[in-house]
Amino acid sequence: MGGAGSGRADQRAVAVAAQIMVIVSPMAHRLVTERLALRPWSIDDAGAALGAYGDAEVARWLTPAMDRINDLAAMRVVLEQWVAEDARMITPAGRWAIELRQDGRVIGGATLLPLSPDEEFEVGWQLHREAWGHGYATEAGLALARWAFGQGIEQVIALVRPANTRAMEMVRRMGMEWVGETEKYHDLRLQEFRLRPGDLAQTA
């Protein structure tokens, strides 16, 4: 899911994201990097989640397509669905809230989801607009990739809408390789990128 991403990240942020070691807590696959904590969503996160999924500029880039969420009640319903889905997912799949470690503020979400018709895992991110430009999407994406590889997944992919140049720059900073244009997924024409464990060494 090539969501709205970082862009304009400074070189230090990219270097930190590339070298970060992911610490996995024993509870619900909480992933911790230098600046971020990726944790399961809670219904109480509705207000913070609405800051991303209620923003038309974020929602327009999501794959699969997702309408902008209009209010807190609708956001709570969506979070309830996500929490229920997570309970049924098989590791390493999941949906996470992205939290800044320094103040606990939720700045968006990240996903690692199984993708039909192939046995692939798609990494995605959706950040508040004010969180763009700091390298957070790169850091979260690499955390999910390392988590997946640690569970034996051989590669992860990202799917980006062709006009979403910000997201394409972000996945390349992750070390992802462009595979080509595809219409295989989500009934959309998308740019496909992939990352394998060996690619991580090249970003370090």
Protein backbone atom coordinates (compact mmCIF):
# COMPACT_ATOMS: atom_id res chain seq x y z
CA MET A 1 0.00 0.00 0.00
CA GLY A 2 1.92 3.00 -1.16
CA GLY A 3 0.49 5.61 1.15
CA ALA A 4 1.43 9.22 1.70
CA GLY A 5 5.03 9.09 2.80
CA SER A 6 7.93 11.17 4.00
CA GLY A 7 9.86 12.85 1.15
CA ARG A 8 12.53 15.49 1.90
CA ALA A 9 13.96 13.36 4.72
CA ASP A 10 17.39 14.56 5.72
CA GLN A 11 20.37 12.27 5.23
CA ARG A 12 20.79 11.58 8.92
CA ALA A 13 17.19 10.36 9.27
CA VAL A 14 17.59 8.03 6.29
CA ALA A 15 20.87 6.65 7.66
CA VAL A 16 19.31 6.04 11.07
CA ALA A 17 16.31 4.30 9.48
CA ALA A 18 18.54 2.07 7.36
CA GLN A 19 20.68 0.90 10.30
CA ILE A 20 17.98 0.62 12.93
CA MET A 21 17.64 -2.64 14.83
CA VAL A 22 14.05 -3.69 15.42
CA ILE A 23 13.27 -4.69 18.99
CA VAL A 24 10.19 -6.91 19.22
CA SER A 25 8.41 -6.93 22.56
CA PRO A 26 6.65 -10.14 23.64
CA MET A 27 3.27 -8.39 23.62
CA ALA A 28 1.34 -8.28 20.34
CA HIS A 29 4.39 -7.85 18.14
CA ARG A 30 5.25 -4.32 19.22
CA LEU A 31 8.10 -3.11 17.01
CA VAL A 32 10.48 -0.47 18.36
CA THR A 33 13.00 1.60 16.39
CA GLU A 34 15.12 4.55 17.44
CA ARG A 35 12.30 7.09 17.08
CA LEU A 36 9.14 5.04 16.66
CA ALA A 37 7.03 2.37 18.32
CA LEU A 38 4.72 0.34 16.08
CA ARG A 39 1.97 -1.13 18.22
CA PRO A 40 -1.48 -2.65 17.72
CA TRP A 41 -4.37 -0.24 17.18
CA SER A 42 -6.87 0.48 19.95
CA ILE A 43 -10.37 1.90 19.63
CA ASP A 44 -9.10 4.76 21.81
CA ASP A 45 -6.81 5.79 18.94
CA ALA A 46 -9.77 6.98 16.84
CA GLY A 47 -8.98 10.68 17.20
CA ALA A 48 -5.33 10.26 16.24
CA ALA A 49 -6.16 7.85 13.42
CA LEU A 50 -8.67 10.30 11.97
CA GLY A 51 -5.81 12.77 11.52
CA ALA A 52 -4.45 10.48 8.80
CA TYR A 53 -7.41 8.55 7.41
CA GLY A 54 -9.70 11.57 7.58
CA ASP A 55 -7.32 13.62 5.43
CA ALA A 56 -8.26 13.55 1.73
CA GLU A 57 -4.63 14.15 0.74
CA VAL A 58 -3.64 10.94 2.54
CA ALA A 59 -6.64 8.85 1.50
CA ARG A 60 -6.26 9.62 -2.21
CA TRP A 61 -3.05 7.60 -2.44
CA LEU A 62 -4.10 4.49 -0.54
CA THR A 63 -4.09 1.08 -2.18
CA PRO A 64 -6.48 -0.63 -2.06
CA ALA A 65 -8.65 2.45 -2.51
CA MET A 66 -10.14 3.69 0.75
CA ASP A 67 -12.55 6.56 1.12
CA ARG A 68 -11.65 9.39 3.46
CA ILE A 69 -13.16 8.70 6.88
CA ASN A 70 -15.43 11.57 7.85
CA ASP A 71 -15.85 11.45 11.64
CA LEU A 72 -14.83 9.80 14.89
CA ALA A 73 -17.73 7.35 14.92
CA ALA A 74 -16.78 6.01 11.49
CA MET A 75 -13.12 5.84 12.51
CA ARG A 76 -14.02 3.79 15.58
CA VAL A 77 -15.93 1.32 13.42
CA VAL A 78 -12.92 0.93 11.13
CA LEU A 79 -10.57 0.42 14.07
CA GLU A 80 -12.92 -2.20 15.52
CA GLN A 81 -12.74 -4.04 12.19
CA TRP A 82 -8.96 -3.80 12.08
CA VAL A 83 -8.58 -5.08 15.65
CA ALA A 84 -10.84 -8.04 14.84
CA GLU A 85 -8.92 -8.77 11.62
CA ASP A 86 -5.58 -8.62 13.43
CA ALA A 87 -6.78 -11.25 15.88
CA ARG A 88 -7.31 -13.64 12.96
CA MET A 89 -4.14 -12.84 11.01
CA ILE A 90 -1.19 -15.19 10.87
CA THR A 91 2.24 -13.83 11.83
CA PRO A 92 3.87 -11.68 10.49
CA ALA A 93 0.78 -9.93 9.08
CA GLY A 94 -0.82 -7.06 10.95
CA ARG A 95 -1.81 -3.44 11.24
CA TRP A 96 0.06 -1.07 13.53
CA ALA A 97 -0.33 2.42 14.92
CA ILE A 98 2.90 4.43 14.49
CA GLU A 99 3.78 6.24 17.69
CA LEU A 100 6.57 8.74 18.35
CA ARG A 101 8.61 7.36 21.23
CA GLN A 102 9.56 10.78 22.58
CA ASP A 103 6.00 11.85 23.37
CA GLY A 104 3.70 8.89 22.60
CA ARG A 105 1.90 10.77 19.84
CA VAL A 106 0.29 8.61 17.14
CA ILE A 107 1.32 9.95 13.72
CA GLY A 108 -0.31 7.36 11.48
CA GLY A 109 -0.48 3.69 10.65
CA ALA A 110 1.51 0.94 8.97
CA THR A 111 0.48 -2.40 7.51
CA LEU A 112 1.99 -5.71 6.50
CA LEU A 113 -0.76 -7.64 4.77
CA PRO A 114 -0.99 -10.85 2.72
CA LEU A 115 -1.68 -10.12 -0.92
CA SER A 116 -3.77 -12.18 -3.34
CA PRO A 117 -3.45 -13.82 -5.82
CA ASP A 118 0.23 -14.44 -4.99
CA GLU A 119 1.67 -15.41 -1.65
CA GLU A 120 3.20 -11.97 -1.13
CA PHE A 121 3.27 -9.56 1.80
CA GLU A 122 2.60 -5.89 1.07
CA VAL A 123 4.06 -3.19 3.28
CA GLY A 124 2.14 0.08 3.59
CA TRP A 125 2.11 3.34 5.57
CA GLN A 126 -0.27 6.22 6.15
CA LEU A 127 1.05 9.29 7.98
CA HIS A 128 -0.41 12.57 9.19
CA ARG A 129 0.65 15.31 6.80
CA GLU A 130 2.58 17.14 9.51
CA ALA A 131 4.68 13.97 9.95
CA TRP A 132 5.80 13.96 6.31
CA GLY A 133 9.38 14.88 5.53
CA HIS A 134 11.08 13.40 8.62
CA GLY A 135 11.93 9.90 7.42
CA TYR A 136 9.28 8.25 9.60
CA ALA A 137 7.75 6.27 6.74
CA THR A 138 11.18 4.90 5.79
CA GLU A 139 11.89 3.95 9.40
CA ALA A 140 8.50 2.25 9.83
CA GLY A 141 8.77 0.45 6.49
CA LEU A 142 12.20 -0.94 7.33
CA ALA A 143 10.94 -2.05 10.74
CA LEU A 144 8.14 -4.04 9.11
CA ALA A 145 10.50 -5.51 6.53
CA ARG A 146 12.94 -6.68 9.20
CA TRP A 147 10.06 -8.09 11.21
CA ALA A 148 8.83 -10.04 8.16
CA PHE A 149 12.30 -11.33 7.27
CA GLY A 150 12.82 -12.43 10.86
CA GLN A 151 9.70 -14.58 10.51
CA GLY A 152 11.05 -16.28 7.40
CA ILE A 153 9.36 -14.18 4.70
CA GLU A 154 11.65 -14.02 1.66
CA GLN A 155 10.52 -10.65 0.30
CA VAL A 156 8.04 -7.84 0.87
CA ILE A 157 6.53 -5.63 -1.79
CA ALA A 158 5.10 -2.13 -1.96
CA LEU A 159 2.48 -0.95 -4.44
CA VAL A 160 2.43 2.73 -5.35
CA ARG A 161 0.07 4.76 -7.50
CA PRO A 162 1.99 6.06 -10.55
CA ALA A 163 1.50 9.73 -9.64
CA ASN A 164 2.64 9.27 -6.03
CA THR A 165 6.24 10.40 -6.54
CA ARG A 166 6.74 11.01 -2.81
CA ALA A 167 6.01 7.36 -2.04
CA MET A 168 8.23 6.14 -4.88
CA GLU A 169 11.14 8.15 -3.50
CA MET A 170 10.47 6.71 -0.05
CA VAL A 171 10.49 3.04 -1.10
CA ARG A 172 13.72 3.59 -3.02
CA ARG A 173 15.28 5.04 0.15
CA MET A 174 14.27 1.77 1.84
CA GLY A 175 16.38 -0.03 -0.76
CA MET A 176 13.41 -1.40 -2.66
CA GLU A 177 13.87 -2.46 -6.27
CA TRP A 178 11.37 -1.45 -8.94
CA VAL A 179 9.75 -4.56 -10.45
CA GLY A 180 7.48 -2.88 -13.01
CA GLU A 181 3.95 -1.70 -13.59
CA THR A 182 1.16 -4.11 -12.72
CA GLU A 183 -2.61 -4.36 -12.78
CA LYS A 184 -2.63 -7.62 -10.84
CA TYR A 185 -3.51 -6.13 -7.45
CA HIS A 186 -6.41 -4.11 -6.04
CA ASP A 187 -7.97 -3.58 -9.51
CA LEU A 188 -5.58 -0.66 -10.04
CA ARG A 189 -2.60 0.13 -12.26
CA LEU A 190 0.29 0.35 -9.81
CA GLN A 191 4.07 0.52 -9.60
CA GLU A 192 5.47 -2.56 -7.84
CA PHE A 193 8.63 -2.52 -5.72
CA ARG A 194 10.24 -5.35 -3.75
CA LEU A 195 12.71 -5.73 -0.91
CA ARG A 196 14.67 -8.86 0.03
CA PRO A 197 16.87 -9.52 3.07
CA GLY A 198 20.06 -9.04 1.04
CA ASP A 199 18.91 -5.56 0.04
CA LEU A 200 19.01 -4.38 3.65
CA ALA A 201 22.79 -4.73 3.83
CA GLN A 202 23.10 -2.34 0.90
CA THR A 203 21.13 0.37 2.76
CA ALA A 204 23.22 0.13 5.93
